[in-house]
């Protein structure tokens, strides 16, 4: 199963066990199914229904700090947790390792899960 698919399945299963779980989303800039066009000179543009034109656009980032877990929440007995979901071959980035270690040092349950069973083991302590 894909990383995202296992994470969604895990969120459902952990919720069934009485845990409160949230997805941590981060993002940058604007979204479109069409590739962006950067004008280097004046040009005419045809807008279609549903299009949005942003003049002098610039990207922005929003969300949580680097390394923050993919999901987070509280166990049924109100212990905070952070889970980084990875595929079978997925590797942690240095900032993800640092975040997990920092949360564990502060008493939170934190770790990497490649399956629902691994996520349940993290929450079991």
N, C-alpha and C. Protein backbone atom coordinates (compact mmCIF):
# COMPACT_ATOMS: atom_id res chain seq x y z
N UNK A 1 0.85 -1.18 0.00
CA UNK A 1 0.00 0.00 0.00
C UNK A 1 0.90 1.25 0.00
N UNK A 2 0.41 2.33 -0.56
CA UNK A 2 1.17 3.56 -0.61
C UNK A 2 1.26 4.20 0.78
N UNK A 3 2.21 5.10 0.93
CA UNK A 3 2.38 5.81 2.20
C UNK A 3 1.09 6.53 2.59
N UNK A 4 0.51 7.27 1.64
CA UNK A 4 -0.72 8.00 1.92
C UNK A 4 -1.88 7.09 2.23
N UNK A 5 -1.99 5.99 1.51
CA UNK A 5 -3.07 5.04 1.75
C UNK A 5 -2.98 4.40 3.13
N UNK A 6 -1.77 4.03 3.52
CA UNK A 6 -1.58 3.43 4.84
C UNK A 6 -1.85 4.45 5.94
N UNK A 7 -1.44 5.71 5.70
CA UNK A 7 -1.70 6.76 6.68
C UNK A 7 -3.20 6.97 6.86
N UNK A 8 -3.94 7.04 5.76
CA UNK A 8 -5.40 7.23 5.88
C UNK A 8 -6.04 6.04 6.59
N UNK A 9 -5.61 4.83 6.25
CA UNK A 9 -6.13 3.64 6.92
C UNK A 9 -5.79 3.69 8.41
N UNK A 10 -4.57 4.13 8.72
CA UNK A 10 -4.14 4.24 10.11
C UNK A 10 -4.97 5.24 10.89
N UNK A 11 -5.28 6.36 10.24
CA UNK A 11 -6.10 7.38 10.92
C UNK A 11 -7.46 6.82 11.30
N UNK A 12 -8.06 6.05 10.40
CA UNK A 12 -9.36 5.44 10.69
C UNK A 12 -9.24 4.43 11.82
N UNK A 13 -8.23 3.55 11.73
CA UNK A 13 -8.08 2.50 12.74
C UNK A 13 -7.75 3.08 14.11
N UNK A 14 -6.86 4.08 14.17
CA UNK A 14 -6.51 4.67 15.46
C UNK A 14 -7.71 5.41 16.06
N UNK A 15 -8.53 6.03 15.21
CA UNK A 15 -9.75 6.68 15.71
C UNK A 15 -10.70 5.65 16.32
N UNK A 16 -10.81 4.49 15.68
CA UNK A 16 -11.68 3.43 16.21
C UNK A 16 -11.23 2.97 17.59
N UNK A 17 -9.90 3.10 17.85
CA UNK A 17 -9.35 2.70 19.16
C UNK A 17 -9.54 3.79 20.22
N UNK A 18 -10.19 4.91 19.86
CA UNK A 18 -10.48 5.96 20.82
C UNK A 18 -9.47 7.09 20.85
N UNK A 19 -8.50 7.09 19.93
CA UNK A 19 -7.51 8.15 19.87
C UNK A 19 -8.03 9.32 19.03
N UNK A 20 -7.58 10.52 19.35
CA UNK A 20 -7.90 11.71 18.56
C UNK A 20 -6.71 11.97 17.65
N UNK A 21 -6.94 11.99 16.34
CA UNK A 21 -5.82 12.09 15.40
C UNK A 21 -6.13 13.14 14.34
N UNK A 22 -5.10 13.90 13.99
CA UNK A 22 -5.21 14.96 12.99
C UNK A 22 -4.14 14.77 11.93
N UNK A 23 -4.42 15.22 10.73
CA UNK A 23 -3.45 15.22 9.63
C UNK A 23 -2.76 16.57 9.63
N UNK A 24 -1.44 16.58 9.58
CA UNK A 24 -0.67 17.81 9.53
C UNK A 24 -0.39 18.15 8.06
N UNK A 25 -1.02 19.19 7.57
CA UNK A 25 -0.82 19.59 6.17
C UNK A 25 0.09 20.81 6.09
N UNK A 26 0.94 20.81 5.11
CA UNK A 26 1.78 21.96 4.81
C UNK A 26 1.69 22.21 3.31
N UNK A 27 2.02 23.42 2.89
CA UNK A 27 1.91 23.70 1.46
C UNK A 27 2.70 24.93 1.07
N UNK A 28 2.80 25.10 -0.23
CA UNK A 28 3.49 26.26 -0.79
C UNK A 28 2.68 26.82 -1.95
N UNK A 29 2.50 28.13 -1.95
CA UNK A 29 1.98 28.86 -3.09
C UNK A 29 0.62 28.47 -3.58
N UNK A 30 0.47 28.50 -4.88
CA UNK A 30 -0.80 28.28 -5.54
C UNK A 30 -0.82 26.89 -6.16
N UNK A 31 -1.99 26.44 -6.51
CA UNK A 31 -2.14 25.13 -7.10
C UNK A 31 -2.87 25.24 -8.43
N UNK A 32 -2.53 24.38 -9.36
CA UNK A 32 -3.19 24.36 -10.66
C UNK A 32 -2.85 23.06 -11.34
N UNK A 33 -3.74 22.59 -12.21
CA UNK A 33 -3.43 21.39 -12.99
C UNK A 33 -2.63 21.76 -14.23
N UNK A 34 -2.58 23.05 -14.53
CA UNK A 34 -1.80 23.52 -15.68
C UNK A 34 -0.45 24.03 -15.19
N UNK A 35 0.58 23.88 -16.01
CA UNK A 35 1.89 24.39 -15.58
C UNK A 35 1.89 25.91 -15.54
N UNK A 36 2.63 26.50 -14.61
CA UNK A 36 2.66 27.96 -14.52
C UNK A 36 3.41 28.56 -15.71
N UNK A 37 3.04 29.76 -16.05
CA UNK A 37 3.72 30.50 -17.12
C UNK A 37 4.26 31.77 -16.49
N UNK A 38 5.56 31.98 -16.57
CA UNK A 38 6.15 33.20 -16.05
C UNK A 38 6.41 34.14 -17.22
N UNK A 39 5.78 35.29 -17.18
CA UNK A 39 5.92 36.26 -18.27
C UNK A 39 7.27 36.96 -18.16
N UNK A 40 7.99 37.00 -19.26
CA UNK A 40 9.26 37.72 -19.31
C UNK A 40 9.14 39.00 -20.13
N UNK A 41 7.96 39.16 -20.74
CA UNK A 41 7.67 40.35 -21.54
C UNK A 41 6.16 40.51 -21.57
N UNK A 42 5.65 41.68 -21.94
CA UNK A 42 4.18 41.83 -22.03
C UNK A 42 3.60 40.81 -23.01
N UNK A 43 2.48 40.21 -22.64
CA UNK A 43 1.85 39.22 -23.51
C UNK A 43 0.35 39.18 -23.27
N UNK A 44 -0.40 38.71 -24.25
CA UNK A 44 -1.84 38.54 -24.10
C UNK A 44 -2.11 37.14 -23.55
N UNK A 45 -3.13 37.07 -22.72
CA UNK A 45 -3.50 35.80 -22.11
C UNK A 45 -4.99 35.62 -22.25
N UNK A 46 -5.43 34.42 -22.65
CA UNK A 46 -6.86 34.13 -22.71
C UNK A 46 -7.25 33.42 -21.43
N UNK A 47 -8.21 33.97 -20.71
CA UNK A 47 -8.70 33.35 -19.49
C UNK A 47 -9.93 32.52 -19.80
N UNK A 48 -10.00 31.36 -19.20
CA UNK A 48 -11.13 30.46 -19.37
C UNK A 48 -11.96 30.45 -18.09
N UNK A 49 -13.22 30.03 -18.16
CA UNK A 49 -14.04 29.97 -16.94
C UNK A 49 -13.32 29.15 -15.86
N UNK A 50 -13.27 29.70 -14.68
CA UNK A 50 -12.62 29.03 -13.56
C UNK A 50 -11.16 29.42 -13.37
N UNK A 51 -10.55 30.09 -14.37
CA UNK A 51 -9.16 30.52 -14.25
C UNK A 51 -9.05 31.69 -13.30
N UNK A 52 -7.90 31.81 -12.68
CA UNK A 52 -7.57 32.93 -11.82
C UNK A 52 -6.21 33.44 -12.27
N UNK A 53 -6.10 34.73 -12.48
CA UNK A 53 -4.84 35.34 -12.88
C UNK A 53 -4.28 36.12 -11.70
N UNK A 54 -3.06 35.79 -11.31
CA UNK A 54 -2.40 36.49 -10.22
C UNK A 54 -1.26 37.31 -10.81
N UNK A 55 -1.37 38.61 -10.72
CA UNK A 55 -0.31 39.47 -11.24
C UNK A 55 0.79 39.60 -10.18
N UNK A 56 2.03 39.60 -10.67
CA UNK A 56 3.21 39.72 -9.79
C UNK A 56 3.13 38.71 -8.64
N UNK A 57 2.70 37.51 -8.96
CA UNK A 57 2.54 36.47 -7.94
C UNK A 57 3.89 36.07 -7.36
N UNK A 58 3.86 35.64 -6.12
CA UNK A 58 5.06 35.10 -5.49
C UNK A 58 4.63 33.93 -4.62
N UNK A 59 5.47 32.96 -4.52
CA UNK A 59 5.10 31.79 -3.72
C UNK A 59 5.17 32.11 -2.22
N UNK A 60 4.41 31.36 -1.45
CA UNK A 60 4.47 31.45 0.00
C UNK A 60 4.35 30.05 0.57
N UNK A 61 4.89 29.85 1.75
CA UNK A 61 4.80 28.56 2.42
C UNK A 61 3.92 28.72 3.65
N UNK A 62 3.15 27.70 3.92
CA UNK A 62 2.32 27.71 5.12
C UNK A 62 2.33 26.33 5.74
N UNK A 63 2.06 26.28 6.99
CA UNK A 63 1.98 24.99 7.65
C UNK A 63 2.83 24.93 8.90
N UNK A 64 3.34 23.77 9.16
CA UNK A 64 4.04 23.49 10.41
C UNK A 64 5.55 23.49 10.19
N UNK A 65 6.33 23.47 11.28
CA UNK A 65 7.78 23.51 11.13
C UNK A 65 8.33 22.26 10.45
N UNK A 66 9.51 22.37 9.81
CA UNK A 66 10.11 21.22 9.15
C UNK A 66 10.27 20.05 10.12
N UNK A 67 9.93 18.86 9.64
CA UNK A 67 10.07 17.65 10.44
C UNK A 67 8.84 17.26 11.23
N UNK A 68 7.85 18.15 11.33
CA UNK A 68 6.63 17.84 12.08
C UNK A 68 6.01 16.57 11.52
N UNK A 69 5.49 15.71 12.37
CA UNK A 69 4.92 14.43 11.95
C UNK A 69 3.74 14.59 11.00
N UNK A 70 3.50 13.55 10.19
CA UNK A 70 2.38 13.56 9.25
C UNK A 70 1.03 13.60 9.98
N UNK A 71 0.96 12.90 11.10
CA UNK A 71 -0.25 12.91 11.92
C UNK A 71 0.15 13.15 13.37
N UNK A 72 -0.79 13.69 14.12
CA UNK A 72 -0.54 13.98 15.53
C UNK A 72 -1.87 13.97 16.26
N UNK A 73 -1.81 13.91 17.58
CA UNK A 73 -3.04 13.93 18.35
C UNK A 73 -2.81 13.51 19.77
N UNK A 74 -3.87 12.92 20.35
CA UNK A 74 -3.85 12.48 21.74
C UNK A 74 -4.42 11.08 21.82
N UNK A 75 -3.77 10.26 22.63
CA UNK A 75 -4.29 8.92 22.85
C UNK A 75 -5.57 9.02 23.66
N UNK A 76 -6.27 7.91 23.78
CA UNK A 76 -7.53 7.91 24.53
C UNK A 76 -7.30 8.33 25.98
N UNK A 77 -6.05 8.14 26.51
CA UNK A 77 -5.75 8.58 27.87
C UNK A 77 -4.95 9.90 27.88
N UNK A 78 -5.10 10.68 26.82
CA UNK A 78 -4.62 12.06 26.67
C UNK A 78 -3.10 12.20 26.72
N UNK A 79 -2.39 11.28 26.09
CA UNK A 79 -0.95 11.45 25.89
C UNK A 79 -0.73 11.96 24.48
N UNK A 80 0.08 13.00 24.29
CA UNK A 80 0.32 13.52 22.94
C UNK A 80 1.16 12.55 22.11
N UNK A 81 0.87 12.50 20.82
CA UNK A 81 1.67 11.65 19.93
C UNK A 81 1.88 12.33 18.58
N UNK A 82 2.96 11.88 17.91
CA UNK A 82 3.34 12.36 16.58
C UNK A 82 3.80 11.15 15.79
N UNK A 83 3.21 10.93 14.62
CA UNK A 83 3.58 9.78 13.79
C UNK A 83 4.03 10.28 12.42
N UNK A 84 5.20 9.86 12.01
CA UNK A 84 5.71 10.10 10.67
C UNK A 84 5.45 8.83 9.87
N UNK A 85 4.64 8.91 8.83
CA UNK A 85 4.30 7.74 8.01
C UNK A 85 5.27 7.63 6.85
N UNK A 86 5.78 6.43 6.63
CA UNK A 86 6.69 6.16 5.53
C UNK A 86 6.30 4.86 4.84
N UNK A 87 6.63 4.79 3.56
CA UNK A 87 6.44 3.53 2.82
C UNK A 87 7.51 2.54 3.28
N UNK A 88 7.45 1.33 2.79
CA UNK A 88 8.42 0.30 3.19
C UNK A 88 9.86 0.74 2.91
N UNK A 89 10.07 1.50 1.86
CA UNK A 89 11.43 1.92 1.50
C UNK A 89 11.70 3.39 1.84
N UNK A 90 10.72 4.09 2.40
CA UNK A 90 10.87 5.51 2.70
C UNK A 90 11.89 5.76 3.81
N UNK A 91 12.65 6.85 3.67
CA UNK A 91 13.66 7.20 4.66
C UNK A 91 13.33 8.53 5.32
N UNK A 92 13.71 8.62 6.58
CA UNK A 92 13.50 9.87 7.32
C UNK A 92 14.53 10.92 6.92
N UNK A 93 14.08 12.17 6.78
CA UNK A 93 15.00 13.29 6.58
C UNK A 93 15.58 13.67 7.95
N UNK A 94 16.73 14.31 7.97
CA UNK A 94 17.35 14.68 9.26
C UNK A 94 16.42 15.49 10.16
N UNK A 95 15.65 16.43 9.58
CA UNK A 95 14.76 17.23 10.42
C UNK A 95 13.62 16.39 11.00
N UNK A 96 13.21 15.31 10.32
CA UNK A 96 12.19 14.41 10.86
C UNK A 96 12.76 13.62 12.03
N UNK A 97 13.98 13.14 11.89
CA UNK A 97 14.64 12.43 13.00
C UNK A 97 14.75 13.35 14.22
N UNK A 98 15.17 14.59 13.98
CA UNK A 98 15.33 15.54 15.08
C UNK A 98 14.00 15.85 15.76
N UNK A 99 12.94 15.99 14.97
CA UNK A 99 11.63 16.29 15.55
C UNK A 99 11.16 15.13 16.42
N UNK A 100 11.29 13.91 15.92
CA UNK A 100 10.87 12.73 16.71
C UNK A 100 11.65 12.67 18.01
N UNK A 101 12.96 12.87 17.94
CA UNK A 101 13.79 12.82 19.15
C UNK A 101 13.39 13.92 20.14
N UNK A 102 13.12 15.12 19.64
CA UNK A 102 12.73 16.24 20.51
C UNK A 102 11.40 15.95 21.20
N UNK A 103 10.44 15.39 20.47
CA UNK A 103 9.14 15.09 21.08
C UNK A 103 9.27 13.97 22.12
N UNK A 104 10.06 12.95 21.81
CA UNK A 104 10.28 11.87 22.78
C UNK A 104 10.95 12.40 24.04
N UNK A 105 11.92 13.32 23.88
CA UNK A 105 12.61 13.90 25.03
C UNK A 105 11.67 14.69 25.92
N UNK A 106 10.57 15.17 25.34
CA UNK A 106 9.58 15.94 26.10
C UNK A 106 8.44 15.07 26.62
N UNK A 107 8.56 13.77 26.44
CA UNK A 107 7.58 12.85 26.99
C UNK A 107 6.44 12.45 26.06
N UNK A 108 6.46 12.94 24.82
CA UNK A 108 5.41 12.56 23.87
C UNK A 108 5.74 11.21 23.24
N UNK A 109 4.72 10.56 22.75
CA UNK A 109 4.90 9.34 21.97
C UNK A 109 5.18 9.77 20.54
N UNK A 110 6.27 9.32 19.98
CA UNK A 110 6.63 9.75 18.63
C UNK A 110 7.45 8.67 17.95
N UNK A 111 7.24 8.53 16.64
CA UNK A 111 8.01 7.54 15.89
C UNK A 111 7.59 7.48 14.45
N UNK A 112 8.19 6.54 13.76
CA UNK A 112 7.92 6.34 12.34
C UNK A 112 7.09 5.07 12.19
N UNK A 113 6.05 5.12 11.36
CA UNK A 113 5.19 3.96 11.13
C UNK A 113 5.14 3.65 9.65
N UNK A 114 5.29 2.39 9.33
CA UNK A 114 5.18 1.92 7.95
C UNK A 114 3.93 1.07 7.77
N UNK A 115 3.20 0.89 8.89
CA UNK A 115 1.96 0.12 8.86
C UNK A 115 1.09 0.57 10.04
N UNK A 116 -0.17 0.17 10.00
CA UNK A 116 -1.08 0.48 11.10
C UNK A 116 -0.58 -0.17 12.39
N UNK A 117 -0.08 -1.41 12.29
CA UNK A 117 0.42 -2.09 13.48
C UNK A 117 1.58 -1.34 14.12
N UNK A 118 2.49 -0.79 13.29
CA UNK A 118 3.60 -0.01 13.84
C UNK A 118 3.09 1.26 14.51
N UNK A 119 2.07 1.89 13.94
CA UNK A 119 1.48 3.09 14.56
C UNK A 119 0.87 2.72 15.92
N UNK A 120 0.18 1.61 16.00
CA UNK A 120 -0.41 1.18 17.26
C UNK A 120 0.68 0.90 18.29
N UNK A 121 1.82 0.35 17.85
CA UNK A 121 2.93 0.11 18.76
C UNK A 121 3.50 1.41 19.31
N UNK A 122 3.57 2.45 18.48
CA UNK A 122 4.04 3.76 18.94
C UNK A 122 3.12 4.27 20.05
N UNK A 123 1.81 4.15 19.84
CA UNK A 123 0.84 4.66 20.81
C UNK A 123 0.79 3.80 22.07
N UNK A 124 1.23 2.57 21.98
CA UNK A 124 1.26 1.69 23.15
C UNK A 124 2.45 2.05 24.06
N UNK A 125 3.38 2.87 23.53
CA UNK A 125 4.53 3.29 24.32
C UNK A 125 5.66 2.32 24.17
